[in-house]
C-alpha atoms as a PDB file:
ATOM      1  CA  UNK A   1      28.178  23.735   5.419  1.00  0.00           C
ATOM      2  CA  UNK A   2      28.358  20.232   6.623  1.00  0.00           C
ATOM      3  CA  UNK A   3      26.128  17.695   7.544  1.00  0.00           C
ATOM      4  CA  UNK A   4      25.394  18.514  10.968  1.00  0.00           C
ATOM      5  CA  UNK A   5      25.336  22.218  10.452  1.00  0.00           C
ATOM      6  CA  UNK A   6      22.373  20.994   7.839  1.00  0.00           C
ATOM      7  CA  UNK A   7      20.644  18.966  10.110  1.00  0.00           C
ATOM      8  CA  UNK A   8      20.925  22.077  12.464  1.00  0.00           C
ATOM      9  CA  UNK A   9      19.023  24.130  10.161  1.00  0.00           C
ATOM     10  CA  UNK A  10      16.259  21.630   9.834  1.00  0.00           C
ATOM     11  CA  UNK A  11      16.005  21.475  13.232  1.00  0.00           C
ATOM     12  CA  UNK A  12      15.745  25.525  13.614  1.00  0.00           C
ATOM     13  CA  UNK A  13      13.333  25.056  10.751  1.00  0.00           C
ATOM     14  CA  UNK A  14      11.256  22.825  12.302  1.00  0.00           C
ATOM     15  CA  UNK A  15      10.485  24.783  15.035  1.00  0.00           C
ATOM     16  CA  UNK A  16       9.276  27.442  13.099  1.00  0.00           C
ATOM     17  CA  UNK A  17       6.997  25.887  10.598  1.00  0.00           C
ATOM     18  CA  UNK A  18       3.570  26.670  10.964  1.00  0.00           C
ATOM     19  CA  UNK A  19       4.151  28.555  14.310  1.00  0.00           C
ATOM     20  CA  UNK A  20       6.170  32.071  15.650  1.00  0.00           C
ATOM     21  CA  UNK A  21       9.168  33.027  13.707  1.00  0.00           C
ATOM     22  CA  UNK A  22      12.637  32.420  15.526  1.00  0.00           C
ATOM     23  CA  UNK A  23      13.424  36.633  14.847  1.00  0.00           C
ATOM     24  CA  UNK A  24      13.544  39.286  12.446  1.00  0.00           C
ATOM     25  CA  UNK A  25      16.113  40.149  10.069  1.00  0.00           C
ATOM     26  CA  UNK A  26      17.403  42.952   7.913  1.00  0.00           C
ATOM     27  CA  UNK A  27      17.016  40.945   4.765  1.00  0.00           C
ATOM     28  CA  UNK A  28      15.050  37.697   3.783  1.00  0.00           C
ATOM     29  CA  UNK A  29      15.286  34.917   1.520  1.00  0.00           C
ATOM     30  CA  UNK A  30      12.382  32.864   0.439  1.00  0.00           C
ATOM     31  CA  UNK A  31      12.236  29.646  -1.060  1.00  0.00           C
ATOM     32  CA  UNK A  32       8.952  28.126  -2.411  1.00  0.00           C
ATOM     33  CA  UNK A  33       8.366  24.325  -2.486  1.00  0.00           C
ATOM     34  CA  UNK A  34       5.096  23.279  -4.790  1.00  0.00           C
ATOM     35  CA  UNK A  35       5.237  19.404  -3.394  1.00  0.00           C
ATOM     36  CA  UNK A  36       2.950  17.009  -4.856  1.00  0.00           C
ATOM     37  CA  UNK A  37       1.729  16.150  -1.539  1.00  0.00           C
ATOM     38  CA  UNK A  38       2.672  19.208   0.556  1.00  0.00           C
ATOM     39  CA  UNK A  39       3.391  23.313  -0.389  1.00  0.00           C
ATOM     40  CA  UNK A  40       6.115  24.635   1.666  1.00  0.00           C
ATOM     41  CA  UNK A  41       7.028  28.044   1.897  1.00  0.00           C
ATOM     42  CA  UNK A  42      10.913  28.324   3.921  1.00  0.00           C
ATOM     43  CA  UNK A  43      12.314  31.828   4.918  1.00  0.00           C
ATOM     44  CA  UNK A  44      15.614  32.375   6.254  1.00  0.00           C
ATOM     45  CA  UNK A  45      17.935  35.557   7.269  1.00  0.00           C
ATOM     46  CA  UNK A  46      20.618  37.079   4.702  1.00  0.00           C
ATOM     47  CA  UNK A  47      23.187  34.303   6.531  1.00  0.00           C
ATOM     48  CA  UNK A  48      20.641  31.630   5.670  1.00  0.00           C
ATOM     49  CA  UNK A  49      19.197  30.832   9.101  1.00  0.00           C
ATOM     50  CA  UNK A  50      15.494  29.592   9.236  1.00  0.00           C
ATOM     51  CA  UNK A  51      13.350  32.201  10.524  1.00  0.00           C
ATOM     52  CA  UNK A  52      10.179  31.323   9.431  1.00  0.00           C
ATOM     53  CA  UNK A  53       8.224  28.933   7.432  1.00  0.00           C
ATOM     54  CA  UNK A  54       4.214  27.681   6.690  1.00  0.00           C
ATOM     55  CA  UNK A  55       3.697  24.063   5.184  1.00  0.00           C
ATOM     56  CA  UNK A  56       0.033  22.699   4.080  1.00  0.00           C
ATOM     57  CA  UNK A  57      -1.054  19.522   2.451  1.00  0.00           C
ATOM     58  CA  UNK A  58      -2.532  19.852  -1.159  1.00  0.00           C
ATOM     59  CA  UNK A  59      -2.646  18.184  -4.093  1.00  0.00           C
ATOM     60  CA  UNK A  60      -2.021  21.079  -7.204  1.00  0.00           C
ATOM     61  CA  UNK A  61       1.073  19.561  -7.986  1.00  0.00           C
ATOM     62  CA  UNK A  62       0.849  15.897  -9.830  1.00  0.00           C
ATOM     63  CA  UNK A  63       3.951  14.389 -10.692  1.00  0.00           C
ATOM     64  CA  UNK A  64       6.005  17.441 -10.518  1.00  0.00           C
ATOM     65  CA  UNK A  65       3.887  19.466 -12.772  1.00  0.00           C
ATOM     66  CA  UNK A  66       1.145  22.026 -11.491  1.00  0.00           C
ATOM     67  CA  UNK A  67      -2.198  21.147 -12.523  1.00  0.00           C
ATOM     68  CA  UNK A  68      -4.301  23.608 -10.309  1.00  0.00           C
ATOM     69  CA  UNK A  69      -2.959  26.764 -11.096  1.00  0.00           C
ATOM     70  CA  UNK A  70      -5.364  28.974  -8.756  1.00  0.00           C
ATOM     71  CA  UNK A  71      -5.347  26.792  -6.183  1.00  0.00           C
ATOM     72  CA  UNK A  72      -1.978  26.606  -6.064  1.00  0.00           C
ATOM     73  CA  UNK A  73      -1.664  30.359  -5.815  1.00  0.00           C
ATOM     74  CA  UNK A  74      -4.195  31.039  -3.089  1.00  0.00           C
ATOM     75  CA  UNK A  75      -2.336  28.569  -1.157  1.00  0.00           C
ATOM     76  CA  UNK A  76       1.348  30.473  -1.668  1.00  0.00           C
ATOM     77  CA  UNK A  77      -0.647  33.945  -1.607  1.00  0.00           C
ATOM     78  CA  UNK A  78      -2.053  33.074   2.007  1.00  0.00           C
ATOM     79  CA  UNK A  79       1.244  31.602   3.410  1.00  0.00           C
ATOM     80  CA  UNK A  80       3.210  34.578   1.957  1.00  0.00           C
ATOM     81  CA  UNK A  81       0.548  37.257   3.475  1.00  0.00           C
ATOM     82  CA  UNK A  82       0.289  35.561   7.250  1.00  0.00           C
ATOM     83  CA  UNK A  83       4.488  35.744   6.702  1.00  0.00           C
ATOM     84  CA  UNK A  84       4.350  39.352   6.324  1.00  0.00           C
ATOM     85  CA  UNK A  85       2.335  40.055   9.205  1.00  0.00           C
ATOM     86  CA  UNK A  86       4.482  37.597  11.187  1.00  0.00           C
ATOM     87  CA  UNK A  87       7.635  39.290  10.302  1.00  0.00           C
ATOM     88  CA  UNK A  88       6.114  42.934  10.114  1.00  0.00           C
ATOM     89  CA  UNK A  89       7.348  43.068   6.442  1.00  0.00           C
ATOM     90  CA  UNK A  90       6.611  42.692   3.189  1.00  0.00           C
ATOM     91  CA  UNK A  91       8.441  39.871   0.880  1.00  0.00           C
ATOM     92  CA  UNK A  92       8.585  40.688  -2.379  1.00  0.00           C
ATOM     93  CA  UNK A  93      10.919  38.119  -3.754  1.00  0.00           C
ATOM     94  CA  UNK A  94      12.438  34.447  -3.884  1.00  0.00           C
ATOM     95  CA  UNK A  95      13.314  31.434  -5.474  1.00  0.00           C
ATOM     96  CA  UNK A  96      11.339  28.011  -6.186  1.00  0.00           C
ATOM     97  CA  UNK A  97      11.888  24.672  -7.491  1.00  0.00           C
ATOM     98  CA  UNK A  98      11.195  21.690 -10.397  1.00  0.00           C
ATOM     99  CA  UNK A  99      12.251  18.412 -10.614  1.00  0.00           C
ATOM    100  CA  UNK A 100      15.235  17.597 -12.593  1.00  0.00           C
ATOM    101  CA  UNK A 101      14.480  17.732 -16.587  1.00  0.00           C
ATOM    102  CA  UNK A 102      11.529  19.874 -16.410  1.00  0.00           C
ATOM    103  CA  UNK A 103      10.389  21.421 -19.273  1.00  0.00           C
ATOM    104  CA  UNK A 104      10.762  25.293 -19.770  1.00  0.00           C
ATOM    105  CA  UNK A 105       6.937  25.619 -20.093  1.00  0.00           C
ATOM    106  CA  UNK A 106       6.736  23.437 -16.634  1.00  0.00           C
ATOM    107  CA  UNK A 107       8.967  25.548 -14.984  1.00  0.00           C
ATOM    108  CA  UNK A 108       7.431  29.161 -16.187  1.00  0.00           C
ATOM    109  CA  UNK A 109       4.244  27.402 -14.682  1.00  0.00           C
ATOM    110  CA  UNK A 110       5.819  26.827 -11.237  1.00  0.00           C
ATOM    111  CA  UNK A 111       7.554  30.497 -11.648  1.00  0.00           C
ATOM    112  CA  UNK A 112       4.033  32.003 -12.498  1.00  0.00           C
ATOM    113  CA  UNK A 113       1.956  30.378  -9.710  1.00  0.00           C
ATOM    114  CA  UNK A 114       4.838  32.079  -7.277  1.00  0.00           C
ATOM    115  CA  UNK A 115       4.442  35.861  -8.616  1.00  0.00           C
ATOM    116  CA  UNK A 116       1.160  35.434  -9.078  1.00  0.00           C
ATOM    117  CA  UNK A 117       1.101  35.026  -5.050  1.00  0.00           C
ATOM    118  CA  UNK A 118       2.927  38.311  -5.235  1.00  0.00           C
ATOM    119  CA  UNK A 119       6.653  37.460  -5.113  1.00  0.00           C
ATOM    120  CA  UNK A 120       9.465  38.110  -7.805  1.00  0.00           C
ATOM    121  CA  UNK A 121      10.753  35.200  -8.641  1.00  0.00           C
ATOM    122  CA  UNK A 122      15.070  35.415  -8.657  1.00  0.00           C
ATOM    123  CA  UNK A 123      15.888  31.846  -9.463  1.00  0.00           C
ATOM    124  CA  UNK A 124      14.716  28.750 -10.061  1.00  0.00           C
ATOM    125  CA  UNK A 125      16.262  25.373  -9.325  1.00  0.00           C
ATOM    126  CA  UNK A 126      16.348  21.792  -9.370  1.00  0.00           C
ATOM    127  CA  UNK A 127      15.079  20.135  -6.614  1.00  0.00           C
ATOM    128  CA  UNK A 128      17.672  17.595  -5.297  1.00  0.00           C
ATOM    129  CA  UNK A 129      20.351  20.467  -6.027  1.00  0.00           C
ATOM    130  CA  UNK A 130      18.671  22.656  -3.929  1.00  0.00           C
ATOM    131  CA  UNK A 131      18.683  19.736  -1.325  1.00  0.00           C
ATOM    132  CA  UNK A 132      22.455  19.418  -1.650  1.00  0.00           C
ATOM    133  CA  UNK A 133      22.839  23.158  -0.563  1.00  0.00           C
ATOM    134  CA  UNK A 134      22.004  21.845   3.213  1.00  0.00           C
ATOM    135  CA  UNK A 135      23.028  18.554   2.865  1.00  0.00           C
ATOM    136  CA  UNK A 136      26.241  20.426   2.408  1.00  0.00           C
ATOM    137  CA  UNK A 137      27.949  17.614  -0.057  1.00  0.00           C
ATOM    138  CA  UNK A 138      30.400  18.002  -2.774  1.00  0.00           C
ATOM    139  CA  UNK A 139      29.863  14.234  -3.804  1.00  0.00           C
ATOM    140  CA  UNK A 140      27.246  11.591  -3.912  1.00  0.00           C
ATOM    141  CA  UNK A 141      24.013  10.838  -5.051  1.00  0.00           C
ATOM    142  CA  UNK A 142      21.272  13.194  -3.620  1.00  0.00           C
ATOM    143  CA  UNK A 143      17.676  11.296  -4.556  1.00  0.00           C
ATOM    144  CA  UNK A 144      14.345  13.555  -3.881  1.00  0.00           C
ATOM    145  CA  UNK A 145      11.559  11.479  -3.216  1.00  0.00           C
ATOM    146  CA  UNK A 146       8.800  13.561  -3.322  1.00  0.00           C
ATOM    147  CA  UNK A 147       4.896  12.927  -3.707  1.00  0.00           C
ATOM    148  CA  UNK A 148       5.052  12.216  -7.176  1.00  0.00           C
ATOM    149  CA  UNK A 149       8.234  11.541  -8.535  1.00  0.00           C
ATOM    150  CA  UNK A 150      11.758  10.834  -7.558  1.00  0.00           C
ATOM    151  CA  UNK A 151      14.677  13.279  -8.740  1.00  0.00           C
ATOM    152  CA  UNK A 152      18.167  12.420  -8.671  1.00  0.00           C
ATOM    153  CA  UNK A 153      21.253  14.611  -8.551  1.00  0.00           C
ATOM    154  CA  UNK A 154      24.806  13.148  -8.985  1.00  0.00           C
ATOM    155  CA  UNK A 155      27.295  15.741  -7.881  1.00  0.00           C
ATOM    156  CA  UNK A 156      31.635  15.539  -8.070  1.00  0.00           C
ATOM    157  CA  UNK A 157      33.554  18.096  -6.499  1.00  0.00           C
ATOM    158  CA  UNK A 158      31.074  20.246  -5.571  1.00  0.00           C
ATOM    159  CA  UNK A 159      29.174  20.498  -9.205  1.00  0.00           C
ATOM    160  CA  UNK A 160      25.875  18.577 -10.687  1.00  0.00           C
ATOM    161  CA  UNK A 161      27.107  16.409 -13.168  1.00  0.00           C
ATOM    162  CA  UNK A 162      23.702  14.033 -13.805  1.00  0.00           C
ATOM    163  CA  UNK A 163      20.231  14.589 -13.110  1.00  0.00           C
ATOM    164  CA  UNK A 164      17.329  12.858 -13.679  1.00  0.00           C
ATOM    165  CA  UNK A 165      13.423  12.445 -12.555  1.00  0.00           C
ATOM    166  CA  UNK A 166      11.072   9.817 -13.121  1.00  0.00           C
ATOM    167  CA  UNK A 167       8.080   9.465 -11.782  1.00  0.00           C
ATOM    168  CA  UNK A 168       6.800   6.896  -8.196  1.00  0.00           C
ATOM    169  CA  UNK A 169       6.948   8.912  -4.689  1.00  0.00           C
ATOM    170  CA  UNK A 170       4.766   9.297  -1.674  1.00  0.00           C
ATOM    171  CA  UNK A 171       1.477   9.155  -3.617  1.00  0.00           C
ATOM    172  CA  UNK A 172       2.340   5.975  -4.836  1.00  0.00           C
ATOM    173  CA  UNK A 173       3.009   4.605  -1.680  1.00  0.00           C
ATOM    174  CA  UNK A 174      -0.356   5.970  -0.463  1.00  0.00           C
ATOM    175  CA  UNK A 175      -2.108   4.669  -3.522  1.00  0.00           C
ATOM    176  CA  UNK A 176      -0.859   1.215  -2.774  1.00  0.00           C
ATOM    177  CA  UNK A 177      -1.953   1.228   0.939  1.00  0.00           C
ATOM    178  CA  UNK A 178      -5.730   2.665  -0.293  1.00  0.00           C
ATOM    179  CA  UNK A 179      -5.596  -0.174  -2.756  1.00  0.00           C
ATOM    180  CA  UNK A 180      -4.411  -2.961  -0.130  1.00  0.00           C
ATOM    181  CA  UNK A 181      -7.070  -1.708   2.808  1.00  0.00           C
ATOM    182  CA  UNK A 182      -9.885  -0.706   0.133  1.00  0.00           C
ATOM    183  CA  UNK A 183      -9.493   2.477   2.378  1.00  0.00           C
ATOM    184  CA  UNK A 184     -10.018   6.436   0.795  1.00  0.00           C
ATOM    185  CA  UNK A 185      -6.789   8.079  -0.122  1.00  0.00           C
ATOM    186  CA  UNK A 186      -6.521  10.401   2.680  1.00  0.00           C
ATOM    187  CA  UNK A 187      -7.332   7.741   5.568  1.00  0.00           C
ATOM    188  CA  UNK A 188      -4.220   5.667   3.569  1.00  0.00           C
ATOM    189  CA  UNK A 189      -2.047   8.902   3.792  1.00  0.00           C
ATOM    190  CA  UNK A 190      -2.878   9.369   7.542  1.00  0.00           C
ATOM    191  CA  UNK A 191      -1.899   5.570   7.726  1.00  0.00           C
ATOM    192  CA  UNK A 192       1.012   5.755   6.406  1.00  0.00           C
ATOM    193  CA  UNK A 193       2.011   9.230   8.183  1.00  0.00           C
ATOM    194  CA  UNK A 194       1.614   7.424  11.293  1.00  0.00           C
ATOM    195  CA  UNK A 195       5.117   6.505  12.863  1.00  0.00           C
ATOM    196  CA  UNK A 196       3.312   3.355  14.953  1.00  0.00           C
ATOM    197  CA  UNK A 197       2.490   1.938  11.978  1.00  0.00           C
ATOM    198  CA  UNK A 198       5.360   2.204   9.629  1.00  0.00           C
ATOM    199  CA  UNK A 199       6.767  -1.064  10.304  1.00  0.00           C
ATOM    200  CA  UNK A 200       3.647  -3.293   9.768  1.00  0.00           C
ATOM    201  CA  UNK A 201       3.492  -1.785   6.832  1.00  0.00           C
ATOM    202  CA  UNK A 202       6.645  -2.515   5.313  1.00  0.00           C
ATOM    203  CA  UNK A 203       6.078  -5.683   3.391  1.00  0.00           C
ATOM    204  CA  UNK A 204       3.316  -4.197   1.966  1.00  0.00           C
ATOM    205  CA  UNK A 205       5.165  -1.064   0.839  1.00  0.00           C
ATOM    206  CA  UNK A 206       8.564  -2.684  -0.079  1.00  0.00           C
ATOM    207  CA  UNK A 207       7.861  -3.504  -3.909  1.00  0.00           C
ATOM    208  CA  UNK A 208       7.266  -0.024  -4.347  1.00  0.00           C
ATOM    209  CA  UNK A 209      10.455   0.649  -2.253  1.00  0.00           C
ATOM    210  CA  UNK A 210      12.319  -1.489  -4.524  1.00  0.00           C
ATOM    211  CA  UNK A 211      10.723   0.367  -7.518  1.00  0.00           C
ATOM    212  CA  UNK A 212      12.185   3.769  -6.142  1.00  0.00           C
ATOM    213  CA  UNK A 213      15.574   1.963  -5.738  1.00  0.00           C
ATOM    214  CA  UNK A 214      15.817   0.551  -9.355  1.00  0.00           C
ATOM    215  CA  UNK A 215      14.921   3.838 -10.552  1.00  0.00           C
ATOM    216  CA  UNK A 216      17.946   5.318  -8.219  1.00  0.00           C
ATOM    217  CA  UNK A 217      19.825   2.115  -9.685  1.00  0.00           C
ATOM    218  CA  UNK A 218      19.668   2.732 -13.526  1.00  0.00           C
ATOM    219  CA  UNK A 219      20.476   6.606 -13.260  1.00  0.00           C
ATOM    220  CA  UNK A 220      23.462   6.357 -11.005  1.00  0.00           C
ATOM    221  CA  UNK A 221      24.910   3.494 -13.111  1.00  0.00           C
ATOM    222  CA  UNK A 222      28.543   4.439 -14.728  1.00  0.00           C
ATOM    223  CA  UNK A 223      29.104   7.206 -11.815  1.00  0.00           C
ATOM    224  CA  UNK A 224      31.593   6.431  -8.623  1.00  0.00           C
ATOM    225  CA  UNK A 225      28.556   7.145  -6.131  1.00  0.00           C
ATOM    226  CA  UNK A 226      29.874   6.381  -2.343  1.00  0.00           C
ATOM    227  CA  UNK A 227      26.803   7.989  -0.479  1.00  0.00           C
ATOM    228  CA  UNK A 228      23.637   8.320  -1.057  1.00  0.00           C
ATOM    229  CA  UNK A 229      21.060  11.215   0.630  1.00  0.00           C
ATOM    230  CA  UNK A 230      17.707  10.629   0.575  1.00  0.00           C
ATOM    231  CA  UNK A 231      15.426  13.614   1.466  1.00  0.00           C
ATOM    232  CA  UNK A 232      11.857  14.211   0.972  1.00  0.00           C
ATOM    233  CA  UNK A 233       9.082  13.281   3.376  1.00  0.00           C
ATOM    234  CA  UNK A 234       8.719   9.534   1.702  1.00  0.00           C
ATOM    235  CA  UNK A 235      12.454   8.909   2.127  1.00  0.00           C
ATOM    236  CA  UNK A 236      11.663   8.960   5.948  1.00  0.00           C
ATOM    237  CA  UNK A 237       9.173   5.384   5.869  1.00  0.00           C
ATOM    238  CA  UNK A 238      10.471   2.434   7.740  1.00  0.00           C
ATOM    239  CA  UNK A 239      12.640   0.271   5.907  1.00  0.00           C
ATOM    240  CA  UNK A 240      13.812   2.528   2.698  1.00  0.00           C
ATOM    241  CA  UNK A 241      17.096   3.355   3.753  1.00  0.00           C
ATOM    242  CA  UNK A 242      17.722  -0.462   4.119  1.00  0.00           C
ATOM    243  CA  UNK A 243      15.934  -1.679   1.161  1.00  0.00           C
ATOM    244  CA  UNK A 244      18.259   1.079  -0.852  1.00  0.00           C
ATOM    245  CA  UNK A 245      21.355  -0.079   0.990  1.00  0.00           C
ATOM    246  CA  UNK A 246      21.250  -3.631   1.053  1.00  0.00           C
ATOM    247  CA  UNK A 247      19.983  -4.006  -2.847  1.00  0.00           C
ATOM    248  CA  UNK A 248      22.628  -1.005  -3.936  1.00  0.00           C
ATOM    249  CA  UNK A 249      25.565  -1.938  -1.351  1.00  0.00           C
ATOM    250  CA  UNK A 250      25.855   1.418  -1.439  1.00  0.00           C
ATOM    251  CA  UNK A 251      25.637   3.474   2.002  1.00  0.00           C
ATOM    252  CA  UNK A 252      22.472   5.268   1.994  1.00  0.00           C
ATOM    253  CA  UNK A 253      21.862   8.737   4.661  1.00  0.00           C
ATOM    254  CA  UNK A 254      18.350   9.829   5.699  1.00  0.00           C
ATOM    255  CA  UNK A 255      18.788  13.120   7.802  1.00  0.00           C
ATOM    256  CA  UNK A 256      16.643  13.650  10.773  1.00  0.00           C
ATOM    257  CA  UNK A 257      13.749  16.255   8.912  1.00  0.00           C
ATOM    258  CA  UNK A 258      13.755  14.818   5.355  1.00  0.00           C
ATOM    259  CA  UNK A 259      10.960  16.806   4.228  1.00  0.00           C
ATOM    260  CA  UNK A 260      12.717  20.191   4.950  1.00  0.00           C
ATOM    261  CA  UNK A 261      15.731  19.579   3.355  1.00  0.00           C
ATOM    262  CA  UNK A 262      14.786  20.622  -0.250  1.00  0.00           C
ATOM    263  CA  UNK A 263      12.336  23.675   0.968  1.00  0.00           C
ATOM    264  CA  UNK A 264      15.284  24.951   2.798  1.00  0.00           C
ATOM    265  CA  UNK A 265      17.695  24.274  -0.233  1.00  0.00           C
ATOM    266  CA  UNK A 266      15.542  26.721  -2.383  1.00  0.00           C
ATOM    267  CA  UNK A 267      15.528  29.353   0.313  1.00  0.00           C
ATOM    268  CA  UNK A 268      19.087  29.439   0.110  1.00  0.00           C
ATOM    269  CA  UNK A 269      19.037  29.423  -3.420  1.00  0.00           C
ATOM    270  CA  UNK A 270      17.797  32.692  -3.410  1.00  0.00           C
ATOM    271  CA  UNK A 271      20.219  35.223  -4.205  1.00  0.00           C
END
C-alpha cells in the first residue's frame, strides 16, 4: 500500500459515509472509532476497499476515555443497525481503537461499548498505528490529533517502536474559540469547521497549535524522524501543518481526508 492508494481509499469512504453503500461483498471488516468529537464506523470488504460508513458528532468520550457508556453504545448500535439494513447482512464482528498507552481497564471500556452494540471485538489497536495502515508508511511519525488527545506513533522499517498520547486536540481548539468570542461550545465548533473562517482564526489558534507541536517535539526526540504524518480532524486546520514544519524543521504531510484515516485503519486491522 502507498500514500496514493490510501488517499483513494479515503476518497471512496468519504463518498459513502452517511450515504448509500458503494457495493456489497461476501465478507465485511468493520472498524469502530470512538472519538471525542465524532463516532465513525467504517466497513470495508475482504480486500480492504471501503463499502459503507456512518459518522455522527458525539461527546461520549473525553480525552480518549469513554465517559457516557450508554450514549456511546446507543449511537454505535444504531449505526450498526442501519448498516445491516443497507448492506442486507448482519455485521457480527469488528475492531476498535484506543489512544496509545491506554490502560487495560479503559481499553476494555471501549471494547464493551462495541460488544454491547452487537459486534464481537476481534482486535484492539492504538489509533496512530491504525492510521499507518492506510498511509502505507514504514518509517516516520504518525500524529493523530483527535478531539481530546494527540497520539503519536514512531515507525521504523514497518514496525511501531514508540507510542505516546497526551491531552490536547480538536476540543481544545474549540474551547479557545469559545472563550475568545464568548460563545457556546457548539457555536465555536461550527465556527472552527467553516473553511471560510479558518484563515482569520489562525492567530487565535496558533498558541494551541504550538502546544501540539511541542507535544510532537518531545515524543519524537531521539528518533530519526524525517516525515510527520498528521491525521485526525484537527490536523486539517489552516496553518497547523506550517506551524509543525516551521517549528520542528521536519516535513509534515496532511492527507486529503484526515478524519477518515484512523477509522479506515481500524477496519483494516479487523482480521
